[in-house]
Amino acid sequence: MPASLHAQKVHDTLDRLFAEAALDEERPVSRATGTAQELADAREGLYLPISRQGGELLYALVRAARPGTAVEFGTSFGISTIYLAAAVADNGAGRVYGTEMSAAKVAAARANLDEAGLGGVATVLPGDARETLAEIAGPIGFVLLDGWKDLCLPVLRSLEPRLAPGALVVADDIGMSAMAGYLDHVRDPANGYVSVAFPVEDGMEISCRA
């Protein structure tokens, strides 16, 4: 049976979203400073997506890990969420919970998941991940961290008590300086992870909760 990742609805939705995301460089970038919520609202038109290769890696990891619950910090327009949801759908069990601060992006991501035929296995929660993901019961088997980089470590720490043994945690854009503290945390064996960098675009860190 072909993977749902290659189904026409999913393929067409991803093609459209990646084409729109390619225009990010032409969109004005707000230099606003302030709270994470204010920044999210100021940049609600930017897609800031993972790469196709990164998305396929996420799909493969979720298929292999078969998590009952997968969570995502930084849904944006839902490109990464579609990859996660396609894997969960093909596993035949589980659910994806995304979280996004921008109300406009929450609405767009939900519509994009429905367009891809995957809305039934994914929920996009509006608000600060440190609060919205607090409501998700464990055990959590898979985590994607792709929101504001200075919040990746606080979000991970809030999830750690609910991570399943062997849970996979993937962080994107690890080449950014704001990820230094996060990388120090997951690469220190005393914190309970086995972690490796994977060379996809700006880099992904794949960490197993050992």
Protein backbone atom coordinates (compact mmCIF):
# COMPACT_ATOMS: atom_id res chain seq x y z
CA MET A 1 0.00 0.00 0.00
CA PRO A 2 1.53 3.38 -0.98
CA ALA A 3 2.42 5.78 1.84
CA SER A 4 -0.17 8.50 2.35
CA LEU A 5 2.73 10.94 2.04
CA HIS A 6 2.51 10.23 -1.70
CA ALA A 7 -1.27 10.50 -1.91
CA GLN A 8 -2.42 13.11 -4.40
CA LYS A 9 -4.06 15.36 -1.79
CA VAL A 10 -0.97 15.39 0.41
CA HIS A 11 1.42 15.80 -2.52
CA ASP A 12 -0.55 18.69 -4.02
CA THR A 13 -0.95 20.48 -0.68
CA LEU A 14 2.77 20.22 0.09
CA ASP A 15 3.69 21.39 -3.41
CA ARG A 16 1.50 24.46 -3.00
CA LEU A 17 2.82 25.25 0.47
CA PHE A 18 6.47 24.86 -0.50
CA ALA A 19 5.90 27.11 -3.53
CA GLU A 20 4.35 29.76 -1.27
CA ALA A 21 7.12 29.32 1.32
CA ALA A 22 9.74 29.93 -1.38
CA LEU A 23 8.46 33.52 -1.51
CA ASP A 24 9.49 34.17 2.11
CA GLU A 25 12.62 35.96 0.90
CA GLU A 26 10.45 38.48 -0.92
CA ARG A 27 8.20 39.16 2.05
CA PRO A 28 8.97 42.04 4.40
CA VAL A 29 10.47 40.89 7.68
CA SER A 30 9.36 42.78 10.75
CA ARG A 31 12.22 43.97 12.95
CA ALA A 32 9.83 44.27 15.85
CA THR A 33 11.00 43.19 19.26
CA GLY A 34 8.91 42.21 22.22
CA THR A 35 7.27 39.10 23.61
CA ALA A 36 7.16 35.84 21.70
CA GLN A 37 3.47 36.50 21.02
CA GLU A 38 4.20 39.96 19.59
CA LEU A 39 6.91 38.53 17.35
CA ALA A 40 4.61 35.74 16.18
CA ASP A 41 1.91 38.24 15.26
CA ALA A 42 4.40 40.52 13.50
CA ARG A 43 5.68 37.64 11.34
CA GLU A 44 2.42 35.86 10.69
CA GLY A 45 2.97 36.02 6.92
CA LEU A 46 6.26 34.10 6.97
CA TYR A 47 6.21 30.34 6.41
CA LEU A 48 9.66 29.55 7.89
CA PRO A 49 9.29 25.90 6.81
CA ILE A 50 11.36 22.79 7.22
CA SER A 51 12.87 21.44 4.00
CA ARG A 52 11.31 18.63 1.98
CA GLN A 53 14.18 16.36 2.99
CA GLY A 54 13.65 17.32 6.61
CA GLY A 55 9.96 16.54 6.29
CA GLU A 56 10.68 13.12 4.81
CA LEU A 57 13.08 12.43 7.67
CA LEU A 58 10.33 13.32 10.15
CA TYR A 59 7.92 11.01 8.35
CA ALA A 60 10.39 8.12 8.49
CA LEU A 61 11.18 8.67 12.18
CA VAL A 62 7.51 8.74 13.18
CA ARG A 63 6.77 5.63 11.13
CA ALA A 64 9.61 3.83 12.90
CA ALA A 65 8.90 5.14 16.41
CA ARG A 66 5.11 4.63 16.17
CA PRO A 67 4.28 7.15 18.92
CA GLY A 68 0.83 7.22 20.44
CA THR A 69 1.27 10.96 20.93
CA ALA A 70 3.47 13.28 18.87
CA VAL A 71 3.79 16.97 19.71
CA GLU A 72 5.16 19.89 17.73
CA PHE A 73 6.34 23.30 18.89
CA GLY A 74 6.06 25.81 16.04
CA THR A 75 3.39 24.65 13.58
CA SER A 76 3.44 27.76 11.36
CA PHE A 77 1.38 26.98 8.22
CA GLY A 78 1.45 23.24 8.93
CA ILE A 79 4.05 21.88 6.50
CA SER A 80 5.89 19.87 9.16
CA THR A 81 2.56 18.92 10.74
CA ILE A 82 1.44 17.34 7.47
CA TYR A 83 4.53 15.11 7.43
CA LEU A 84 3.94 14.08 11.05
CA ALA A 85 0.23 13.50 10.47
CA ALA A 86 0.85 11.43 7.32
CA ALA A 87 3.14 9.14 9.32
CA VAL A 88 0.66 8.80 12.17
CA ALA A 89 -2.13 8.05 9.70
CA ASP A 90 -0.02 5.36 8.03
CA ASN A 91 0.85 3.85 11.42
CA GLY A 92 -2.87 3.38 11.98
CA ALA A 93 -2.81 4.82 15.50
CA GLY A 94 -1.75 7.96 17.34
CA ARG A 95 -2.34 11.68 17.20
CA VAL A 96 -0.32 14.82 16.46
CA TYR A 97 -0.67 17.95 18.59
CA GLY A 98 0.81 21.11 17.11
CA THR A 99 0.96 24.48 18.77
CA GLU A 100 1.21 27.95 17.26
CA MET A 101 1.05 31.48 18.68
CA SER A 102 -0.21 33.26 15.56
CA ALA A 103 -4.00 32.99 15.30
CA ALA A 104 -3.79 33.50 11.52
CA LYS A 105 -1.35 30.61 11.19
CA VAL A 106 -3.47 28.36 13.40
CA ALA A 107 -6.43 28.85 11.05
CA ALA A 108 -4.25 28.33 7.96
CA ALA A 109 -2.58 25.20 9.36
CA ARG A 110 -5.93 23.63 10.22
CA ALA A 111 -7.21 24.37 6.71
CA ASN A 112 -4.05 22.94 5.12
CA LEU A 113 -4.31 19.73 7.14
CA ASP A 114 -7.95 19.37 6.06
CA GLU A 115 -6.97 20.00 2.45
CA ALA A 116 -4.40 17.22 2.70
CA GLY A 117 -7.02 14.91 4.20
CA LEU A 118 -5.15 14.64 7.50
CA GLY A 119 -7.18 16.87 9.80
CA GLY A 120 -8.62 13.83 11.53
CA VAL A 121 -5.30 12.84 13.13
CA ALA A 122 -3.91 16.30 13.99
CA THR A 123 -4.92 19.06 16.37
CA VAL A 124 -3.42 22.55 16.20
CA LEU A 125 -3.56 24.34 19.54
CA PRO A 126 -3.47 28.16 19.70
CA GLY A 127 -1.14 29.85 22.14
CA ASP A 128 2.16 29.51 23.98
CA ALA A 129 3.49 25.94 23.80
CA ARG A 130 4.65 26.12 27.41
CA GLU A 131 0.98 26.40 28.34
CA THR A 132 -0.89 24.55 25.58
CA LEU A 133 1.30 21.45 25.66
CA ALA A 134 0.96 21.27 29.44
CA GLU A 135 -2.51 19.86 28.81
CA ILE A 136 -1.23 16.91 26.73
CA ALA A 137 -1.12 13.70 28.74
CA GLY A 138 1.85 11.40 28.51
CA PRO A 139 3.49 9.26 27.50
CA ILE A 140 4.72 11.42 24.61
CA GLY A 141 6.67 9.41 22.06
CA PHE A 142 7.81 12.06 19.58
CA VAL A 143 8.60 15.77 19.82
CA LEU A 144 9.45 18.27 17.07
CA LEU A 145 10.89 21.59 18.23
CA ASP A 146 10.80 24.20 15.46
CA GLY A 147 9.45 27.33 17.11
CA TRP A 148 11.31 30.31 18.56
CA LYS A 149 14.80 29.00 19.24
CA ASP A 150 15.20 30.57 22.67
CA LEU A 151 12.08 28.67 23.79
CA CYS A 152 13.09 25.20 22.56
CA LEU A 153 14.85 24.27 25.79
CA PRO A 154 12.09 25.56 28.10
CA VAL A 155 9.49 23.69 26.03
CA LEU A 156 11.53 20.49 26.14
CA ARG A 157 12.01 20.76 29.88
CA SER A 158 8.27 21.19 30.36
CA LEU A 159 7.70 17.99 28.38
CA GLU A 160 10.44 15.84 29.92
CA PRO A 161 8.36 14.41 32.80
CA ARG A 162 5.90 13.05 30.21
CA LEU A 163 8.37 11.67 27.66
CA ALA A 164 8.16 7.93 27.10
CA PRO A 165 11.33 5.87 27.49
CA GLY A 166 12.94 5.88 24.05
CA ALA A 167 11.01 8.96 22.92
CA LEU A 168 12.54 10.83 19.99
CA VAL A 169 13.06 14.59 20.18
CA VAL A 170 13.96 16.43 16.96
CA ALA A 171 15.08 20.06 16.92
CA ASP A 172 15.44 22.02 13.68
CA ASP A 173 17.87 24.82 12.72
CA ILE A 174 20.56 23.78 15.18
CA GLY A 175 23.10 26.01 13.43
CA MET A 176 21.49 29.08 14.98
CA SER A 177 23.34 30.57 17.94
CA ALA A 178 20.17 30.64 20.05
CA MET A 179 20.21 26.82 20.05
CA ALA A 180 23.49 26.56 21.97
CA GLY A 181 21.88 26.04 25.37
CA TYR A 182 19.48 23.46 23.97
CA LEU A 183 22.32 21.51 22.36
CA ASP A 184 24.37 21.60 25.56
CA HIS A 185 21.37 20.08 27.37
CA VAL A 186 20.62 17.17 25.02
CA ARG A 187 24.29 16.38 24.38
CA ASP A 188 25.09 16.03 28.07
CA PRO A 189 24.54 12.34 28.97
CA ALA A 190 23.68 13.39 32.52
CA ASN A 191 20.39 14.77 31.17
CA GLY A 192 19.27 11.40 29.85
CA TYR A 193 19.64 11.64 26.08
CA VAL A 194 21.64 10.03 23.32
CA SER A 195 21.88 12.77 20.72
CA VAL A 196 23.25 13.17 17.20
CA ALA A 197 23.28 15.99 14.66
CA PHE A 198 21.81 15.17 11.26
CA PRO A 199 22.86 17.21 8.18
CA VAL A 200 19.54 18.42 6.78
CA GLU A 201 19.56 22.06 5.57
CA ASP A 202 20.32 24.09 8.72
CA GLY A 203 20.75 20.90 10.71
CA MET A 204 18.50 18.75 12.87
CA GLU A 205 19.39 17.31 16.26
CA ILE A 206 17.86 13.87 16.88
CA SER A 207 17.81 12.92 20.54
CA CYS A 208 16.59 9.69 22.11
CA ARG A 209 15.27 9.80 25.66
CA ALA A 210 17.46 6.99 26.97
